[in-house]
Amino acid sequence: MNNWKETATELNLSLKFKNFKNAWAFMNEAAIAAENLKHHPNWSNVYNTVEITLTTHDAGNTVTSKDYELANVINDILKNYEFQH
């Protein structure tokens, strides 16, 4: 799944966008998708960097199909964005 890193308890992704505007636009789009799926990421944003952690709290803080589903939706959203190289 792209650059997602999986541990026993979570999926993690670190993104560095072209600029803050793109990072924020991505977060807005991903937030709407997460709300539609009723599964919300833990994330942070500093300037053009977004860190995402997915885990299912009500399943004992472990990775479930909900996390994979949201990760796949996020991957689709990311196709529309440019990243810093």
PDB file of N, CA and C in Angstrom:
ATOM      1  N   MET A   1       0.833  -1.200   0.000  1.00  0.00           N
ATOM      2  CA  MET A   1       0.000   0.000   0.000  1.00  0.00           C
ATOM      3  C   MET A   1       0.866   1.247   0.000  1.00  0.00           C
ATOM      4  N   ASN A   2       1.338   1.613  -1.146  1.00  0.00           N
ATOM      5  CA  ASN A   2       2.197   2.792  -1.295  1.00  0.00           C
ATOM      6  C   ASN A   2       3.279   2.837  -0.234  1.00  0.00           C
ATOM      7  N   ASN A   3       3.383   3.949   0.455  1.00  0.00           N
ATOM      8  CA  ASN A   3       4.441   4.134   1.456  1.00  0.00           C
ATOM      9  C   ASN A   3       3.951   3.936   2.876  1.00  0.00           C
ATOM     10  N   TRP A   4       2.814   3.305   3.060  1.00  0.00           N
ATOM     11  CA  TRP A   4       2.313   3.034   4.401  1.00  0.00           C
ATOM     12  C   TRP A   4       3.251   2.059   5.096  1.00  0.00           C
ATOM     13  N   LYS A   5       3.512   2.308   6.361  1.00  0.00           N
ATOM     14  CA  LYS A   5       4.308   1.401   7.187  1.00  0.00           C
ATOM     15  C   LYS A   5       3.361   0.777   8.208  1.00  0.00           C
ATOM     16  N   GLU A   6       3.367  -0.552   8.257  1.00  0.00           N
ATOM     17  CA  GLU A   6       2.454  -1.254   9.149  1.00  0.00           C
ATOM     18  C   GLU A   6       3.206  -1.841  10.344  1.00  0.00           C
ATOM     19  N   THR A   7       2.626  -1.642  11.525  1.00  0.00           N
ATOM     20  CA  THR A   7       3.098  -2.306  12.733  1.00  0.00           C
ATOM     21  C   THR A   7       1.962  -3.199  13.209  1.00  0.00           C
ATOM     22  N   ALA A   8       2.137  -3.827  14.333  1.00  0.00           N
ATOM     23  CA  ALA A   8       1.088  -4.693  14.872  1.00  0.00           C
ATOM     24  C   ALA A   8      -0.160  -3.910  15.265  1.00  0.00           C
ATOM     25  N   THR A   9       0.000  -2.619  15.531  1.00  0.00           N
ATOM     26  CA  THR A   9      -1.118  -1.842  16.057  1.00  0.00           C
ATOM     27  C   THR A   9      -1.563  -0.670  15.190  1.00  0.00           C
ATOM     28  N   GLU A  10      -0.839  -0.357  14.097  1.00  0.00           N
ATOM     29  CA  GLU A  10      -1.227   0.825  13.317  1.00  0.00           C
ATOM     30  C   GLU A  10      -0.606   0.841  11.927  1.00  0.00           C
ATOM     31  N   LEU A  11      -1.207   1.681  11.083  1.00  0.00           N
ATOM     32  CA  LEU A  11      -0.658   2.019   9.773  1.00  0.00           C
ATOM     33  C   LEU A  11      -0.185   3.459   9.862  1.00  0.00           C
ATOM     34  N   ASN A  12       1.007   3.748   9.340  1.00  0.00           N
ATOM     35  CA  ASN A  12       1.575   5.097   9.398  1.00  0.00           C
ATOM     36  C   ASN A  12       2.001   5.551   8.016  1.00  0.00           C
ATOM     37  N   LEU A  13       1.789   6.836   7.760  1.00  0.00           N
ATOM     38  CA  LEU A  13       2.202   7.431   6.494  1.00  0.00           C
ATOM     39  C   LEU A  13       2.713   8.835   6.763  1.00  0.00           C
ATOM     40  N   SER A  14       3.844   9.160   6.186  1.00  0.00           N
ATOM     41  CA  SER A  14       4.410  10.498   6.282  1.00  0.00           C
ATOM     42  C   SER A  14       4.464  11.088   4.885  1.00  0.00           C
ATOM     43  N   LEU A  15       3.907  12.284   4.732  1.00  0.00           N
ATOM     44  CA  LEU A  15       3.812  12.939   3.427  1.00  0.00           C
ATOM     45  C   LEU A  15       4.442  14.319   3.478  1.00  0.00           C
ATOM     46  N   LYS A  16       5.154  14.686   2.425  1.00  0.00           N
ATOM     47  CA  LYS A  16       5.704  16.034   2.324  1.00  0.00           C
ATOM     48  C   LYS A  16       5.195  16.633   1.011  1.00  0.00           C
ATOM     49  N   PHE A  17       4.234  17.527   1.139  1.00  0.00           N
ATOM     50  CA  PHE A  17       3.597  18.141  -0.011  1.00  0.00           C
ATOM     51  C   PHE A  17       4.447  19.281  -0.575  1.00  0.00           C
ATOM     52  N   LYS A  18       4.040  19.767  -1.724  1.00  0.00           N
ATOM     53  CA  LYS A  18       4.740  20.868  -2.392  1.00  0.00           C
ATOM     54  C   LYS A  18       4.741  22.122  -1.519  1.00  0.00           C
ATOM     55  N   ASN A  19       3.631  22.342  -0.795  1.00  0.00           N
ATOM     56  CA  ASN A  19       3.524  23.533   0.062  1.00  0.00           C
ATOM     57  C   ASN A  19       2.384  23.323   1.077  1.00  0.00           C
ATOM     58  N   PHE A  20       2.208  24.297   1.949  1.00  0.00           N
ATOM     59  CA  PHE A  20       1.181  24.211   2.988  1.00  0.00           C
ATOM     60  C   PHE A  20      -0.220  24.149   2.399  1.00  0.00           C
ATOM     61  N   LYS A  21      -0.455  24.927   1.354  1.00  0.00           N
ATOM     62  CA  LYS A  21      -1.783  24.954   0.728  1.00  0.00           C
ATOM     63  C   LYS A  21      -2.186  23.560   0.241  1.00  0.00           C
ATOM     64  N   ASN A  22      -1.266  22.838  -0.383  1.00  0.00           N
ATOM     65  CA  ASN A  22      -1.574  21.486  -0.850  1.00  0.00           C
ATOM     66  C   ASN A  22      -1.778  20.521   0.303  1.00  0.00           C
ATOM     67  N   ALA A  23      -0.968  20.658   1.350  1.00  0.00           N
ATOM     68  CA  ALA A  23      -1.125  19.793   2.527  1.00  0.00           C
ATOM     69  C   ALA A  23      -2.500  19.994   3.145  1.00  0.00           C
ATOM     70  N   TRP A  24      -2.911  21.240   3.277  1.00  0.00           N
ATOM     71  CA  TRP A  24      -4.197  21.545   3.894  1.00  0.00           C
ATOM     72  C   TRP A  24      -5.356  21.090   3.006  1.00  0.00           C
ATOM     73  N   ALA A  25      -5.229  21.280   1.712  1.00  0.00           N
ATOM     74  CA  ALA A  25      -6.278  20.834   0.786  1.00  0.00           C
ATOM     75  C   ALA A  25      -6.443  19.315   0.867  1.00  0.00           C
ATOM     76  N   PHE A  26      -5.321  18.595   0.921  1.00  0.00           N
ATOM     77  CA  PHE A  26      -5.383  17.142   1.076  1.00  0.00           C
ATOM     78  C   PHE A  26      -6.097  16.767   2.368  1.00  0.00           C
ATOM     79  N   MET A  27      -5.748  17.428   3.458  1.00  0.00           N
ATOM     80  CA  MET A  27      -6.362  17.106   4.743  1.00  0.00           C
ATOM     81  C   MET A  27      -7.865  17.358   4.715  1.00  0.00           C
ATOM     82  N   ASN A  28      -8.283  18.426   4.074  1.00  0.00           N
ATOM     83  CA  ASN A  28      -9.723  18.684   3.944  1.00  0.00           C
ATOM     84  C   ASN A  28     -10.416  17.556   3.195  1.00  0.00           C
ATOM     85  N   GLU A  29      -9.832  17.153   2.089  1.00  0.00           N
ATOM     86  CA  GLU A  29     -10.427  16.096   1.279  1.00  0.00           C
ATOM     87  C   GLU A  29     -10.440  14.762   2.038  1.00  0.00           C
ATOM     88  N   ALA A  30      -9.336  14.459   2.703  1.00  0.00           N
ATOM     89  CA  ALA A  30      -9.245  13.210   3.471  1.00  0.00           C
ATOM     90  C   ALA A  30     -10.202  13.221   4.667  1.00  0.00           C
ATOM     91  N   ALA A  31     -10.397  14.384   5.272  1.00  0.00           N
ATOM     92  CA  ALA A  31     -11.314  14.484   6.413  1.00  0.00           C
ATOM     93  C   ALA A  31     -12.744  14.159   6.002  1.00  0.00           C
ATOM     94  N   ILE A  32     -13.157  14.637   4.848  1.00  0.00           N
ATOM     95  CA  ILE A  32     -14.508  14.348   4.360  1.00  0.00           C
ATOM     96  C   ILE A  32     -14.659  12.854   4.080  1.00  0.00           C
ATOM     97  N   ALA A  33     -13.636  12.264   3.472  1.00  0.00           N
ATOM     98  CA  ALA A  33     -13.673  10.822   3.196  1.00  0.00           C
ATOM     99  C   ALA A  33     -13.730  10.023   4.494  1.00  0.00           C
ATOM    100  N   ALA A  34     -12.934  10.420   5.479  1.00  0.00           N
ATOM    101  CA  ALA A  34     -12.916   9.726   6.773  1.00  0.00           C
ATOM    102  C   ALA A  34     -14.278   9.823   7.449  1.00  0.00           C
ATOM    103  N   GLU A  35     -14.874  10.995   7.390  1.00  0.00           N
ATOM    104  CA  GLU A  35     -16.198  11.169   7.991  1.00  0.00           C
ATOM    105  C   GLU A  35     -17.230  10.279   7.309  1.00  0.00           C
ATOM    106  N   ASN A  36     -17.156  10.201   5.990  1.00  0.00           N
ATOM    107  CA  ASN A  36     -18.080   9.336   5.246  1.00  0.00           C
ATOM    108  C   ASN A  36     -17.917   7.870   5.628  1.00  0.00           C
ATOM    109  N   LEU A  37     -16.681   7.458   5.941  1.00  0.00           N
ATOM    110  CA  LEU A  37     -16.412   6.080   6.350  1.00  0.00           C
ATOM    111  C   LEU A  37     -16.624   5.862   7.846  1.00  0.00           C
ATOM    112  N   LYS A  38     -16.854   6.942   8.575  1.00  0.00           N
ATOM    113  CA  LYS A  38     -17.010   6.889  10.038  1.00  0.00           C
ATOM    114  C   LYS A  38     -15.777   6.260  10.703  1.00  0.00           C
ATOM    115  N   HIS A  39     -14.605   6.616  10.160  1.00  0.00           N
ATOM    116  CA  HIS A  39     -13.333   6.123  10.695  1.00  0.00           C
ATOM    117  C   HIS A  39     -12.313   7.248  10.536  1.00  0.00           C
ATOM    118  N   HIS A  40     -11.787   7.725  11.631  1.00  0.00           N
ATOM    119  CA  HIS A  40     -11.018   8.966  11.610  1.00  0.00           C
ATOM    120  C   HIS A  40      -9.552   8.736  11.944  1.00  0.00           C
ATOM    121  N   PRO A  41      -8.665   9.407  11.207  1.00  0.00           N
ATOM    122  CA  PRO A  41      -7.233   9.229  11.440  1.00  0.00           C
ATOM    123  C   PRO A  41      -6.749  10.050  12.631  1.00  0.00           C
ATOM    124  N   ASN A  42      -5.645   9.617  13.180  1.00  0.00           N
ATOM    125  CA  ASN A  42      -4.851  10.472  14.059  1.00  0.00           C
ATOM    126  C   ASN A  42      -3.835  11.111  13.108  1.00  0.00           C
ATOM    127  N   TRP A  43      -3.759  12.422  13.109  1.00  0.00           N
ATOM    128  CA  TRP A  43      -2.816  13.048  12.194  1.00  0.00           C
ATOM    129  C   TRP A  43      -2.325  14.372  12.719  1.00  0.00           C
ATOM    130  N   SER A  44      -1.229  14.829  12.112  1.00  0.00           N
ATOM    131  CA  SER A  44      -0.691  16.136  12.450  1.00  0.00           C
ATOM    132  C   SER A  44      -0.180  16.787  11.181  1.00  0.00           C
ATOM    133  N   ASN A  45      -0.096  18.112  11.230  1.00  0.00           N
ATOM    134  CA  ASN A  45       0.364  18.888  10.091  1.00  0.00           C
ATOM    135  C   ASN A  45       1.296  19.985  10.574  1.00  0.00           C
ATOM    136  N   VAL A  46       2.474  20.049   9.987  1.00  0.00           N
ATOM    137  CA  VAL A  46       3.401  21.160  10.193  1.00  0.00           C
ATOM    138  C   VAL A  46       3.847  21.598   8.807  1.00  0.00           C
ATOM    139  N   TYR A  47       3.483  22.828   8.444  1.00  0.00           N
ATOM    140  CA  TYR A  47       3.742  23.409   7.133  1.00  0.00           C
ATOM    141  C   TYR A  47       3.321  22.453   6.019  1.00  0.00           C
ATOM    142  N   ASN A  48       4.264  21.837   5.309  1.00  0.00           N
ATOM    143  CA  ASN A  48       3.904  20.989   4.170  1.00  0.00           C
ATOM    144  C   ASN A  48       3.946  19.494   4.499  1.00  0.00           C
ATOM    145  N   THR A  49       4.128  19.153   5.762  1.00  0.00           N
ATOM    146  CA  THR A  49       4.241  17.757   6.177  1.00  0.00           C
ATOM    147  C   THR A  49       2.975  17.302   6.909  1.00  0.00           C
ATOM    148  N   VAL A  50       2.480  16.142   6.510  1.00  0.00           N
ATOM    149  CA  VAL A  50       1.321  15.536   7.163  1.00  0.00           C
ATOM    150  C   VAL A  50       1.729  14.139   7.607  1.00  0.00           C
ATOM    151  N   GLU A  51       1.512  13.854   8.878  1.00  0.00           N
ATOM    152  CA  GLU A  51       1.769  12.526   9.446  1.00  0.00           C
ATOM    153  C   GLU A  51       0.414  11.904   9.770  1.00  0.00           C
ATOM    154  N   ILE A  52       0.189  10.678   9.298  1.00  0.00           N
ATOM    155  CA  ILE A  52      -1.096  10.005   9.499  1.00  0.00           C
ATOM    156  C   ILE A  52      -0.863   8.675  10.210  1.00  0.00           C
ATOM    157  N   THR A  53      -1.687   8.409  11.209  1.00  0.00           N
ATOM    158  CA  THR A  53      -1.703   7.116  11.886  1.00  0.00           C
ATOM    159  C   THR A  53      -3.130   6.589  11.872  1.00  0.00           C
ATOM    160  N   LEU A  54      -3.279   5.358  11.395  1.00  0.00           N
ATOM    161  CA  LEU A  54      -4.585   4.705  11.391  1.00  0.00           C
ATOM    162  C   LEU A  54      -4.536   3.513  12.329  1.00  0.00           C
ATOM    163  N   THR A  55      -5.523   3.420  13.193  1.00  0.00           N
ATOM    164  CA  THR A  55      -5.705   2.285  14.085  1.00  0.00           C
ATOM    165  C   THR A  55      -7.178   2.245  14.462  1.00  0.00           C
ATOM    166  N   THR A  56      -7.668   1.090  14.831  1.00  0.00           N
ATOM    167  CA  THR A  56      -9.072   0.978  15.211  1.00  0.00           C
ATOM    168  C   THR A  56      -9.152   0.885  16.730  1.00  0.00           C
ATOM    169  N   HIS A  57      -9.555   1.980  17.346  1.00  0.00           N
ATOM    170  CA  HIS A  57      -9.589   2.075  18.807  1.00  0.00           C
ATOM    171  C   HIS A  57     -10.569   1.090  19.430  1.00  0.00           C
ATOM    172  N   ASP A  58     -11.758   0.960  18.818  1.00  0.00           N
ATOM    173  CA  ASP A  58     -12.767   0.083  19.417  1.00  0.00           C
ATOM    174  C   ASP A  58     -12.482  -1.404  19.185  1.00  0.00           C
ATOM    175  N   ALA A  59     -11.363  -1.715  18.502  1.00  0.00           N
ATOM    176  CA  ALA A  59     -10.932  -3.109  18.338  1.00  0.00           C
ATOM    177  C   ALA A  59      -9.645  -3.348  19.125  1.00  0.00           C
ATOM    178  N   GLY A  60      -9.413  -2.503  20.136  1.00  0.00           N
ATOM    179  CA  GLY A  60      -8.238  -2.682  20.982  1.00  0.00           C
ATOM    180  C   GLY A  60      -6.983  -2.066  20.406  1.00  0.00           C
ATOM    181  N   ASN A  61      -7.145  -0.980  19.630  1.00  0.00           N
ATOM    182  CA  ASN A  61      -6.002  -0.294  19.028  1.00  0.00           C
ATOM    183  C   ASN A  61      -5.161  -1.237  18.181  1.00  0.00           C
ATOM    184  N   THR A  62      -5.810  -1.795  17.197  1.00  0.00           N
ATOM    185  CA  THR A  62      -5.145  -2.691  16.260  1.00  0.00           C
ATOM    186  C   THR A  62      -5.574  -2.327  14.846  1.00  0.00           C
ATOM    187  N   VAL A  63      -4.892  -2.875  13.852  1.00  0.00           N
ATOM    188  CA  VAL A  63      -5.223  -2.610  12.456  1.00  0.00           C
ATOM    189  C   VAL A  63      -6.356  -3.545  12.037  1.00  0.00           C
ATOM    190  N   THR A  64      -7.395  -2.939  11.461  1.00  0.00           N
ATOM    191  CA  THR A  64      -8.537  -3.732  10.984  1.00  0.00           C
ATOM    192  C   THR A  64      -8.853  -3.335   9.545  1.00  0.00           C
ATOM    193  N   SER A  65      -9.880  -3.953   9.000  1.00  0.00           N
ATOM    194  CA  SER A  65     -10.303  -3.641   7.631  1.00  0.00           C
ATOM    195  C   SER A  65     -10.688  -2.172   7.482  1.00  0.00           C
ATOM    196  N   LYS A  66     -11.169  -1.547   8.554  1.00  0.00           N
ATOM    197  CA  LYS A  66     -11.502  -0.114   8.508  1.00  0.00           C
ATOM    198  C   LYS A  66     -10.268   0.716   8.169  1.00  0.00           C
ATOM    199  N   ASP A  67      -9.126   0.347   8.746  1.00  0.00           N
ATOM    200  CA  ASP A  67      -7.890   1.086   8.499  1.00  0.00           C
ATOM    201  C   ASP A  67      -7.412   0.905   7.061  1.00  0.00           C
ATOM    202  N   TYR A  68      -7.475  -0.332   6.567  1.00  0.00           N
ATOM    203  CA  TYR A  68      -7.081  -0.578   5.179  1.00  0.00           C
ATOM    204  C   TYR A  68      -8.001   0.152   4.204  1.00  0.00           C
ATOM    205  N   GLU A  69      -9.291   0.166   4.517  1.00  0.00           N
ATOM    206  CA  GLU A  69     -10.239   0.857   3.645  1.00  0.00           C
ATOM    207  C   GLU A  69      -9.931   2.353   3.588  1.00  0.00           C
ATOM    208  N   LEU A  70      -9.709   2.982   4.735  1.00  0.00           N
ATOM    209  CA  LEU A  70      -9.389   4.405   4.744  1.00  0.00           C
ATOM    210  C   LEU A  70      -8.035   4.659   4.080  1.00  0.00           C
ATOM    211  N   ALA A  71      -7.061   3.803   4.305  1.00  0.00           N
ATOM    212  CA  ALA A  71      -5.747   3.967   3.663  1.00  0.00           C
ATOM    213  C   ALA A  71      -5.891   3.921   2.142  1.00  0.00           C
ATOM    214  N   ASN A  72      -6.709   3.030   1.635  1.00  0.00           N
ATOM    215  CA  ASN A  72      -6.923   2.950   0.182  1.00  0.00           C
ATOM    216  C   ASN A  72      -7.605   4.195  -0.358  1.00  0.00           C
ATOM    217  N   VAL A  73      -8.563   4.721   0.379  1.00  0.00           N
ATOM    218  CA  VAL A  73      -9.232   5.957  -0.037  1.00  0.00           C
ATOM    219  C   VAL A  73      -8.220   7.113  -0.022  1.00  0.00           C
ATOM    220  N   ILE A  74      -7.400   7.186   1.015  1.00  0.00           N
ATOM    221  CA  ILE A  74      -6.371   8.227   1.081  1.00  0.00           C
ATOM    222  C   ILE A  74      -5.405   8.083  -0.096  1.00  0.00           C
ATOM    223  N   ASN A  75      -5.011   6.866  -0.432  1.00  0.00           N
ATOM    224  CA  ASN A  75      -4.130   6.661  -1.583  1.00  0.00           C
ATOM    225  C   ASN A  75      -4.752   7.210  -2.858  1.00  0.00           C
ATOM    226  N   ASP A  76      -6.048   6.998  -3.040  1.00  0.00           N
ATOM    227  CA  ASP A  76      -6.733   7.526  -4.224  1.00  0.00           C
ATOM    228  C   ASP A  76      -6.731   9.052  -4.221  1.00  0.00           C
ATOM    229  N   ILE A  77      -6.964   9.657  -3.077  1.00  0.00           N
ATOM    230  CA  ILE A  77      -6.954  11.119  -2.966  1.00  0.00           C
ATOM    231  C   ILE A  77      -5.572  11.664  -3.297  1.00  0.00           C
ATOM    232  N   LEU A  78      -4.541  10.977  -2.845  1.00  0.00           N
ATOM    233  CA  LEU A  78      -3.166  11.450  -3.044  1.00  0.00           C
ATOM    234  C   LEU A  78      -2.762  11.532  -4.509  1.00  0.00           C
ATOM    235  N   LYS A  79      -3.443  10.816  -5.378  1.00  0.00           N
ATOM    236  CA  LYS A  79      -3.122  10.848  -6.811  1.00  0.00           C
ATOM    237  C   LYS A  79      -3.294  12.243  -7.404  1.00  0.00           C
ATOM    238  N   ASN A  80      -4.034  13.104  -6.712  1.00  0.00           N
ATOM    239  CA  ASN A  80      -4.315  14.450  -7.217  1.00  0.00           C
ATOM    240  C   ASN A  80      -3.351  15.510  -6.705  1.00  0.00           C
ATOM    241  N   TYR A  81      -2.297  15.115  -5.997  1.00  0.00           N
ATOM    242  CA  TYR A  81      -1.414  16.081  -5.347  1.00  0.00           C
ATOM    243  C   TYR A  81       0.036  15.916  -5.772  1.00  0.00           C
ATOM    244  N   GLU A  82       0.760  17.051  -5.715  1.00  0.00           N
ATOM    245  CA  GLU A  82       2.187  17.061  -6.001  1.00  0.00           C
ATOM    246  C   GLU A  82       2.940  17.042  -4.674  1.00  0.00           C
ATOM    247  N   PHE A  83       4.090  16.389  -4.706  1.00  0.00           N
ATOM    248  CA  PHE A  83       4.893  16.254  -3.497  1.00  0.00           C
ATOM    249  C   PHE A  83       6.259  16.878  -3.675  1.00  0.00           C
ATOM    250  N   GLN A  84       6.844  17.264  -2.570  1.00  0.00           N
ATOM    251  CA  GLN A  84       8.204  17.807  -2.593  1.00  0.00           C
ATOM    252  C   GLN A  84       9.169  16.658  -2.817  1.00  0.00           C
ATOM    253  N   HIS A  85      10.160  16.894  -3.641  1.00  0.00           N
ATOM    254  CA  HIS A  85      11.160  15.849  -3.916  1.00  0.00           C
ATOM    255  C   HIS A  85      12.438  16.131  -3.189  1.00  0.00           C
TER     256      HIS A  85
END
